[in-house]
Amino acid sequence: KVVEVLGDKSPVSQKKKAVVAVES
């Protein structure tokens, strides 16, 4: 579940990368 969206001011240390996918 998406519980937060990260913006430019979010700490860099939190910004690991991921493949994020959706279907429709």
PDB file of all heavy atoms in Angstrom:
ATOM      1  N   LYS A   1       0.849  -1.191   0.000  1.00  0.00           N
ATOM      2  CA  LYS A   1       0.000   0.000   0.000  1.00  0.00           C
ATOM      3  C   LYS A   1       0.888   1.246   0.000  1.00  0.00           C
ATOM      4  O   LYS A   1       1.886   1.317   0.723  1.00  0.00           O
ATOM      5  CB  LYS A   1      -0.901   0.014   1.231  1.00  0.00           C
ATOM      6  CG  LYS A   1      -1.845   1.235   1.289  1.00  0.00           C
ATOM      7  CD  LYS A   1      -2.589   1.303   2.606  1.00  0.00           C
ATOM      8  CE  LYS A   1      -3.587   0.156   2.737  1.00  0.00           C
ATOM      9  NZ  LYS A   1      -4.421   0.316   3.970  1.00  0.00           N
ATOM     10  N   VAL A   2       0.522   2.212  -0.819  1.00  0.00           N
ATOM     11  CA  VAL A   2       1.222   3.500  -0.808  1.00  0.00           C
ATOM     12  C   VAL A   2       0.737   4.287   0.409  1.00  0.00           C
ATOM     13  O   VAL A   2      -0.445   4.628   0.514  1.00  0.00           O
ATOM     14  CB  VAL A   2       0.939   4.290  -2.098  1.00  0.00           C
ATOM     15  CG1 VAL A   2       1.635   5.664  -2.029  1.00  0.00           C
ATOM     16  CG2 VAL A   2       1.421   3.520  -3.324  1.00  0.00           C
ATOM     17  N   VAL A   3       1.646   4.544   1.349  1.00  0.00           N
ATOM     18  CA  VAL A   3       1.263   5.291   2.553  1.00  0.00           C
ATOM     19  C   VAL A   3       1.862   6.701   2.561  1.00  0.00           C
ATOM     20  O   VAL A   3       1.524   7.515   3.423  1.00  0.00           O
ATOM     21  CB  VAL A   3       1.692   4.536   3.836  1.00  0.00           C
ATOM     22  CG1 VAL A   3       0.962   3.201   3.931  1.00  0.00           C
ATOM     23  CG2 VAL A   3       3.199   4.319   3.874  1.00  0.00           C
ATOM     24  N   GLU A   4       2.734   6.976   1.578  1.00  0.00           N
ATOM     25  CA  GLU A   4       3.369   8.296   1.516  1.00  0.00           C
ATOM     26  C   GLU A   4       3.939   8.501   0.125  1.00  0.00           C
ATOM     27  O   GLU A   4       4.363   7.544  -0.534  1.00  0.00           O
ATOM     28  CB  GLU A   4       4.496   8.375   2.553  1.00  0.00           C
ATOM     29  CG  GLU A   4       5.226   9.705   2.599  1.00  0.00           C
ATOM     30  CD  GLU A   4       6.428   9.669   3.532  1.00  0.00           C
ATOM     31  OE1 GLU A   4       6.559   8.683   4.290  1.00  0.00           O
ATOM     32  OE2 GLU A   4       7.234  10.623   3.488  1.00  0.00           O
ATOM     33  N   VAL A   5       3.929   9.734  -0.336  1.00  0.00           N
ATOM     34  CA  VAL A   5       4.622  10.057  -1.585  1.00  0.00           C
ATOM     35  C   VAL A   5       5.818  10.932  -1.244  1.00  0.00           C
ATOM     36  O   VAL A   5       5.735  11.824  -0.399  1.00  0.00           O
ATOM     37  CB  VAL A   5       3.700  10.762  -2.598  1.00  0.00           C
ATOM     38  CG1 VAL A   5       2.630   9.808  -3.100  1.00  0.00           C
ATOM     39  CG2 VAL A   5       3.085  12.014  -2.024  1.00  0.00           C
ATOM     40  N   LEU A   6       6.935  10.656  -1.885  1.00  0.00           N
ATOM     41  CA  LEU A   6       8.186  11.353  -1.610  1.00  0.00           C
ATOM     42  C   LEU A   6       8.347  12.535  -2.549  1.00  0.00           C
ATOM     43  O   LEU A   6       8.125  12.420  -3.759  1.00  0.00           O
ATOM     44  CB  LEU A   6       9.370  10.403  -1.780  1.00  0.00           C
ATOM     45  CG  LEU A   6       9.390   9.166  -0.873  1.00  0.00           C
ATOM     46  CD1 LEU A   6      10.496   8.219  -1.309  1.00  0.00           C
ATOM     47  CD2 LEU A   6       9.578   9.570   0.578  1.00  0.00           C
ATOM     48  N   GLY A   7       8.770  13.664  -2.021  1.00  0.00           N
ATOM     49  CA  GLY A   7       9.039  14.843  -2.830  1.00  0.00           C
ATOM     50  C   GLY A   7      10.519  15.160  -2.852  1.00  0.00           C
ATOM     51  O   GLY A   7      11.348  14.405  -2.332  1.00  0.00           O
ATOM     52  N   ASP A   8      10.863  16.286  -3.443  1.00  0.00           N
ATOM     53  CA  ASP A   8      12.267  16.683  -3.558  1.00  0.00           C
ATOM     54  C   ASP A   8      12.947  16.875  -2.205  1.00  0.00           C
ATOM     55  O   ASP A   8      14.159  16.759  -2.077  1.00  0.00           O
ATOM     56  CB  ASP A   8      12.370  17.987  -4.354  1.00  0.00           C
ATOM     57  CG  ASP A   8      12.100  17.751  -5.830  1.00  0.00           C
ATOM     58  OD1 ASP A   8      12.183  16.590  -6.253  1.00  0.00           O
ATOM     59  OD2 ASP A   8      11.809  18.727  -6.547  1.00  0.00           O
ATOM     60  N   LYS A   9      12.169  17.204  -1.148  1.00  0.00           N
ATOM     61  CA  LYS A   9      12.764  17.505   0.151  1.00  0.00           C
ATOM     62  C   LYS A   9      12.900  16.283   1.051  1.00  0.00           C
ATOM     63  O   LYS A   9      13.348  16.386   2.183  1.00  0.00           O
ATOM     64  CB  LYS A   9      11.928  18.575   0.854  1.00  0.00           C
ATOM     65  CG  LYS A   9      11.952  19.924   0.138  1.00  0.00           C
ATOM     66  CD  LYS A   9      11.157  20.968   0.891  1.00  0.00           C
ATOM     67  CE  LYS A   9      11.203  22.319   0.169  1.00  0.00           C
ATOM     68  NZ  LYS A   9      10.432  23.351   0.892  1.00  0.00           N
ATOM     69  N   SER A  10      12.483  15.101   0.549  1.00  0.00           N
ATOM     70  CA  SER A  10      12.639  13.891   1.354  1.00  0.00           C
ATOM     71  C   SER A  10      14.115  13.553   1.492  1.00  0.00           C
ATOM     72  O   SER A  10      14.893  13.757   0.566  1.00  0.00           O
ATOM     73  CB  SER A  10      11.911  12.717   0.690  1.00  0.00           C
ATOM     74  OG  SER A  10      10.530  12.994   0.600  1.00  0.00           O
ATOM     75  N   PRO A  11      14.524  13.041   2.652  1.00  0.00           N
ATOM     76  CA  PRO A  11      15.938  12.706   2.850  1.00  0.00           C
ATOM     77  C   PRO A  11      16.442  11.736   1.793  1.00  0.00           C
ATOM     78  O   PRO A  11      15.778  10.755   1.474  1.00  0.00           O
ATOM     79  CB  PRO A  11      15.945  12.057   4.239  1.00  0.00           C
ATOM     80  CG  PRO A  11      14.710  12.584   4.919  1.00  0.00           C
ATOM     81  CD  PRO A  11      13.706  12.780   3.853  1.00  0.00           C
ATOM     82  N   VAL A  12      17.626  12.032   1.245  1.00  0.00           N
ATOM     83  CA  VAL A  12      18.201  11.183   0.210  1.00  0.00           C
ATOM     84  C   VAL A  12      18.402   9.762   0.711  1.00  0.00           C
ATOM     85  O   VAL A  12      18.256   8.788  -0.020  1.00  0.00           O
ATOM     86  CB  VAL A  12      19.549  11.772  -0.275  1.00  0.00           C
ATOM     87  CG1 VAL A  12      20.221  10.840  -1.267  1.00  0.00           C
ATOM     88  CG2 VAL A  12      19.321  13.150  -0.903  1.00  0.00           C
ATOM     89  N   SER A  13      18.734   9.604   1.994  1.00  0.00           N
ATOM     90  CA  SER A  13      19.000   8.277   2.557  1.00  0.00           C
ATOM     91  C   SER A  13      17.785   7.360   2.457  1.00  0.00           C
ATOM     92  O   SER A  13      17.909   6.150   2.501  1.00  0.00           O
ATOM     93  CB  SER A  13      19.434   8.399   4.014  1.00  0.00           C
ATOM     94  OG  SER A  13      18.395   8.990   4.793  1.00  0.00           O
ATOM     95  N   GLN A  14      16.585   7.958   2.346  1.00  0.00           N
ATOM     96  CA  GLN A  14      15.388   7.138   2.251  1.00  0.00           C
ATOM     97  C   GLN A  14      15.121   6.680   0.824  1.00  0.00           C
ATOM     98  O   GLN A  14      14.306   5.810   0.595  1.00  0.00           O
ATOM     99  CB  GLN A  14      14.171   7.943   2.736  1.00  0.00           C
ATOM    100  CG  GLN A  14      14.204   8.271   4.217  1.00  0.00           C
ATOM    101  CD  GLN A  14      12.951   9.036   4.638  1.00  0.00           C
ATOM    102  OE1 GLN A  14      12.149   9.429   3.806  1.00  0.00           O
ATOM    103  NE2 GLN A  14      12.795   9.227   5.935  1.00  0.00           N
ATOM    104  N   LYS A  15      15.809   7.278  -0.122  1.00  0.00           N
ATOM    105  CA  LYS A  15      15.431   7.067  -1.518  1.00  0.00           C
ATOM    106  C   LYS A  15      16.176   5.911  -2.176  1.00  0.00           C
ATOM    107  O   LYS A  15      17.007   6.102  -3.053  1.00  0.00           O
ATOM    108  CB  LYS A  15      15.631   8.353  -2.308  1.00  0.00           C
ATOM    109  CG  LYS A  15      14.657   9.463  -1.902  1.00  0.00           C
ATOM    110  CD  LYS A  15      14.780  10.651  -2.845  1.00  0.00           C
ATOM    111  CE  LYS A  15      13.788  11.735  -2.472  1.00  0.00           C
ATOM    112  NZ  LYS A  15      13.864  12.887  -3.390  1.00  0.00           N
ATOM    113  N   LYS A  16      15.872   4.720  -1.744  1.00  0.00           N
ATOM    114  CA  LYS A  16      16.302   3.558  -2.505  1.00  0.00           C
ATOM    115  C   LYS A  16      15.444   3.500  -3.757  1.00  0.00           C
ATOM    116  O   LYS A  16      14.429   4.161  -3.861  1.00  0.00           O
ATOM    117  CB  LYS A  16      16.136   2.291  -1.672  1.00  0.00           C
ATOM    118  CG  LYS A  16      17.037   2.233  -0.451  1.00  0.00           C
ATOM    119  CD  LYS A  16      16.854   0.919   0.289  1.00  0.00           C
ATOM    120  CE  LYS A  16      17.791   0.859   1.489  1.00  0.00           C
ATOM    121  NZ  LYS A  16      17.620  -0.414   2.243  1.00  0.00           N
ATOM    122  N   LYS A  17      15.848   2.669  -4.707  1.00  0.00           N
ATOM    123  CA  LYS A  17      15.102   2.559  -5.952  1.00  0.00           C
ATOM    124  C   LYS A  17      14.257   1.291  -5.959  1.00  0.00           C
ATOM    125  O   LYS A  17      14.580   0.292  -5.310  1.00  0.00           O
ATOM    126  CB  LYS A  17      16.052   2.549  -7.148  1.00  0.00           C
ATOM    127  CG  LYS A  17      16.731   3.883  -7.420  1.00  0.00           C
ATOM    128  CD  LYS A  17      15.779   4.838  -8.114  1.00  0.00           C
ATOM    129  CE  LYS A  17      16.511   6.100  -8.557  1.00  0.00           C
ATOM    130  NZ  LYS A  17      15.615   7.026  -9.281  1.00  0.00           N
ATOM    131  N   ALA A  18      13.171   1.332  -6.729  1.00  0.00           N
ATOM    132  CA  ALA A  18      12.318   0.166  -6.902  1.00  0.00           C
ATOM    133  C   ALA A  18      11.629   0.254  -8.254  1.00  0.00           C
ATOM    134  O   ALA A  18      11.444   1.339  -8.820  1.00  0.00           O
ATOM    135  CB  ALA A  18      11.269   0.091  -5.794  1.00  0.00           C
ATOM    136  N   VAL A  19      11.272  -0.926  -8.782  1.00  0.00           N
ATOM    137  CA  VAL A  19      10.358  -0.985  -9.919  1.00  0.00           C
ATOM    138  C   VAL A  19       8.954  -0.972  -9.326  1.00  0.00           C
ATOM    139  O   VAL A  19       8.622  -1.810  -8.489  1.00  0.00           O
ATOM    140  CB  VAL A  19      10.570  -2.260 -10.756  1.00  0.00           C
ATOM    141  CG1 VAL A  19       9.567  -2.300 -11.911  1.00  0.00           C
ATOM    142  CG2 VAL A  19      12.000  -2.329 -11.274  1.00  0.00           C
ATOM    143  N   VAL A  20       8.142  -0.019  -9.736  1.00  0.00           N
ATOM    144  CA  VAL A  20       6.780   0.119  -9.225  1.00  0.00           C
ATOM    145  C   VAL A  20       5.816  -0.098 -10.388  1.00  0.00           C
ATOM    146  O   VAL A  20       5.979   0.532 -11.447  1.00  0.00           O
ATOM    147  CB  VAL A  20       6.546   1.496  -8.588  1.00  0.00           C
ATOM    148  CG1 VAL A  20       5.109   1.628  -8.093  1.00  0.00           C
ATOM    149  CG2 VAL A  20       7.527   1.721  -7.444  1.00  0.00           C
ATOM    150  N   ALA A  21       4.818  -0.977 -10.212  1.00  0.00           N
ATOM    151  CA  ALA A  21       3.936  -1.347 -11.319  1.00  0.00           C
ATOM    152  C   ALA A  21       2.468  -1.342 -10.917  1.00  0.00           C
ATOM    153  O   ALA A  21       2.128  -1.574  -9.744  1.00  0.00           O
ATOM    154  CB  ALA A  21       4.315  -2.727 -11.846  1.00  0.00           C
ATOM    155  N   VAL A  22       1.626  -1.073 -11.902  1.00  0.00           N
ATOM    156  CA  VAL A  22       0.172  -1.130 -11.720  1.00  0.00           C
ATOM    157  C   VAL A  22      -0.440  -1.817 -12.934  1.00  0.00           C
ATOM    158  O   VAL A  22       0.175  -1.889 -14.006  1.00  0.00           O
ATOM    159  CB  VAL A  22      -0.443   0.272 -11.559  1.00  0.00           C
ATOM    160  CG1 VAL A  22       0.054   0.941 -10.296  1.00  0.00           C
ATOM    161  CG2 VAL A  22      -0.168   1.145 -12.787  1.00  0.00           C
ATOM    162  N   GLU A  23      -1.654  -2.306 -12.767  1.00  0.00           N
ATOM    163  CA  GLU A  23      -2.407  -2.915 -13.866  1.00  0.00           C
ATOM    164  C   GLU A  23      -3.760  -2.235 -13.996  1.00  0.00           C
ATOM    165  O   GLU A  23      -4.266  -1.634 -13.048  1.00  0.00           O
ATOM    166  CB  GLU A  23      -2.616  -4.409 -13.621  1.00  0.00           C
ATOM    167  CG  GLU A  23      -1.370  -5.233 -13.771  1.00  0.00           C
ATOM    168  CD  GLU A  23      -1.641  -6.715 -13.671  1.00  0.00           C
ATOM    169  OE1 GLU A  23      -2.063  -7.163 -12.589  1.00  0.00           O
ATOM    170  OE2 GLU A  23      -1.434  -7.425 -14.670  1.00  0.00           O
ATOM    171  N   SER A  24      -4.345  -2.352 -15.178  1.00  0.00           N
ATOM    172  CA  SER A  24      -5.690  -1.833 -15.399  1.00  0.00           C
ATOM    173  C   SER A  24      -6.364  -2.656 -16.486  1.00  0.00           C
ATOM    174  O   SER A  24      -5.710  -3.441 -17.190  1.00  0.00           O
ATOM    175  CB  SER A  24      -5.640  -0.358 -15.821  1.00  0.00           C
ATOM    176  OG  SER A  24      -5.146  -0.249 -17.140  1.00  0.00           O
TER     177      SER A  24
END
